[in-house]
Amino acid sequence: MASMGEILDGKYEILTEIGKGGMSKVYLARDIRLNKQWAVKEVEKNARDRNNKIVVQSAIGEANMLKKLDHPALPRIVDIIDNGKVICVVMDYIEGVPLSRVIKEKGAQPEDAVIDWAKQLCNVLDYLHTREKPIIYRDMKPANIMLQTDHSDKDHPYGRIKLFDFGIAREYKENKTGDTECMGTKEYAAPEQFGEMGQTDARTDIYCLGATLYHLVTGHTFVENFKPIRSWDPQLSVGFDEILTKCTQRERENRYQSCAELMYALDHYKQWGNEYRRSQKKKLGVFAALFACSILSLGLGFGSLGMRTHTNNLDYEQNMTRAKNEALVENKIGYYEKAIDIKPMNIEPYINMIEAYKEDADFSTDEEQQFKSCINSNLVELKKQSDYWKVAYETGKLYWYYYGYGKTDDSDNQITRMKAAVEWFNDVVQYGDKNSDEYKISLIYRDIGIFNRDITLDIEEASDKGKYAPYWENLRSMAEQVSGEDQEIVQLELYRLIMNSIENYSRKFKADGIKQDDMLAVYDTVCEKLEALNTNSDKTDELKEQLIDRKQTVRQSIDSAYRDGE
């Protein structure tokens, strides 16, 4: 087991133990190169749980699952270390307290706070459920939700949350009649997690979320003390009471059928209830009085429909024009949002919004949530449009080159950016024009992203052999396609990716049959283009200088890998 002050893998200094489970421990560690803190989860290779299952398999499974995901509310996996006796998974260190401790120390939480957390949790569950292979979390509970200590986010005044512990999460499999194992925490688990009711699905997570929210807002667990939340506190809203009741129905068909449906209810919970219905009845009475008058104008209705369409077209064009003439990026994006509301199937406002996000060379997590709120609600229908792939292509590049999540002054987030872009480039491959240049380059982007997403665990599992040659070919192809017409940040990020790959994998490339002359040719091309590139901002000046400073180190990696006798 790790000891205080120990240096893991020559990189991570163990500072203190911050948690433990039945068969694992979690430590706070410091990256001695970057001076950055990480959490290290340590699992004994031979440890078994109460069902005699080897625990390390669950830890590797959890890491395998998380490495494919990229969401602000999920921890990132950055390294896997195997020292023979234990497996150490290095991941984001989340400063905060679990909501289980918040309830224990402070009791029931304010409804407004719980609603805000509910929306954040709904957002991350929707992300999991809408992967190409949907992921069912299955263990939502206060102990697995970390409330971060920084409450400076104006969009989340009660604090941002992080969801962790994916030990029993699973991929949903179509045509499967049940789960292999019954798992979950009794106080929050759905009936189908412990019975013969078929395999768990997205509605299982909705039940668990409802039970968790019930505990947060009442201070009492759902299973042992079930009664309407207003029985505990009459000041709680009727709307939220009805939402939790629907979430926790025994039969899945009676629950919300998706997190998108639940999110809509949470956004409108104040409109659910007797008081709201009474106000609507009054409005209905006024409407009934006016209805007779409206019959008289029926003949004019068809004309007004055409007028409305004409007005919508004018409003759409007006917002697009205002956006193009607007200097402030926030206002520009606001106009594009309005245009999308009017014509959600038009791709132009989405693509123009993406271009606006690029103006400061940083696509922030707040901007990401703003963009997702525009596109996700329309995504199913957008994918049916013949030109949807163009939106996917531009979104992929936005994430690949500009995504700001995980970037600090001490370290870059290139792997995070690539992981987040993979699904969008995959959409280009799935929906795009196979004869277009964008389709061909998207194949390369996607495969490079998948390689960098998976390679750490592939190395850990000794399954990486043979994966370096196709990766090299993709890098070489991308190097050939970059031109002086590309934005300088795009060129520099590509050069950085190639130099990082050569420095880290020269020996692996050699083992997979890549010739030294081929590698030197790409290296020389990158160096020539790098020297010739004119940069026009402090950010790109600094990045260019960093890459030039690394040229000698990268060249030494090639020479060392191909030295005679090695």
Foldseek 3Di string as FASTA:
>chain_A
DDDAQDDAPVFWGFHAWDADDDFWTKTWIAGPQLRDIWIKIKGFQCDADPVRHGQVVLVLVQLQVQLLDFDPQEKHFDFWDPPPGIIITIIHDAAFAFQVVVCVVPNADDPVLLLLQLLLVLVVQQVQCPDPFRKDQQEDASRQKGFGPDQPPPSRNSGDIHGDDSSPIDTDDPPFFADPAQDYDVLQFAPRSPDRRGYDHSLRVLSSSLQRSLCRRQVDGCPPDPDQSCVSPVVDDPLNSVLSVQSNDNDSVSHPPGSVSSSVSSVVSNCDDDVNVVVVVVVVVVVVVCVVVVVVCVVCVVVVVVVVVVVLVVLLVVLCVCLVVDDDLVSSLVSLLVNCVSPVLDCVSLLVNLVSCPPVLACESVNVVVSCVSQVVCPVVNLVDLPSLVSLLSVLVSLQQHYDPPDDPRDHDNLSSLSVSLVSLVSCCVRHDCPDPSVVLSVLSNLLNVCSSCVNVCVVVVNCQLVVQVNVVSLLVVLVPDDLVDDLSVLLSSLVVLLVCLLVCLLSNVNNPDDLVVSVVSLVSSVVVLVVHDDDDPVSVVSSVVSVVCSVSSVVSNCVNPPPPD
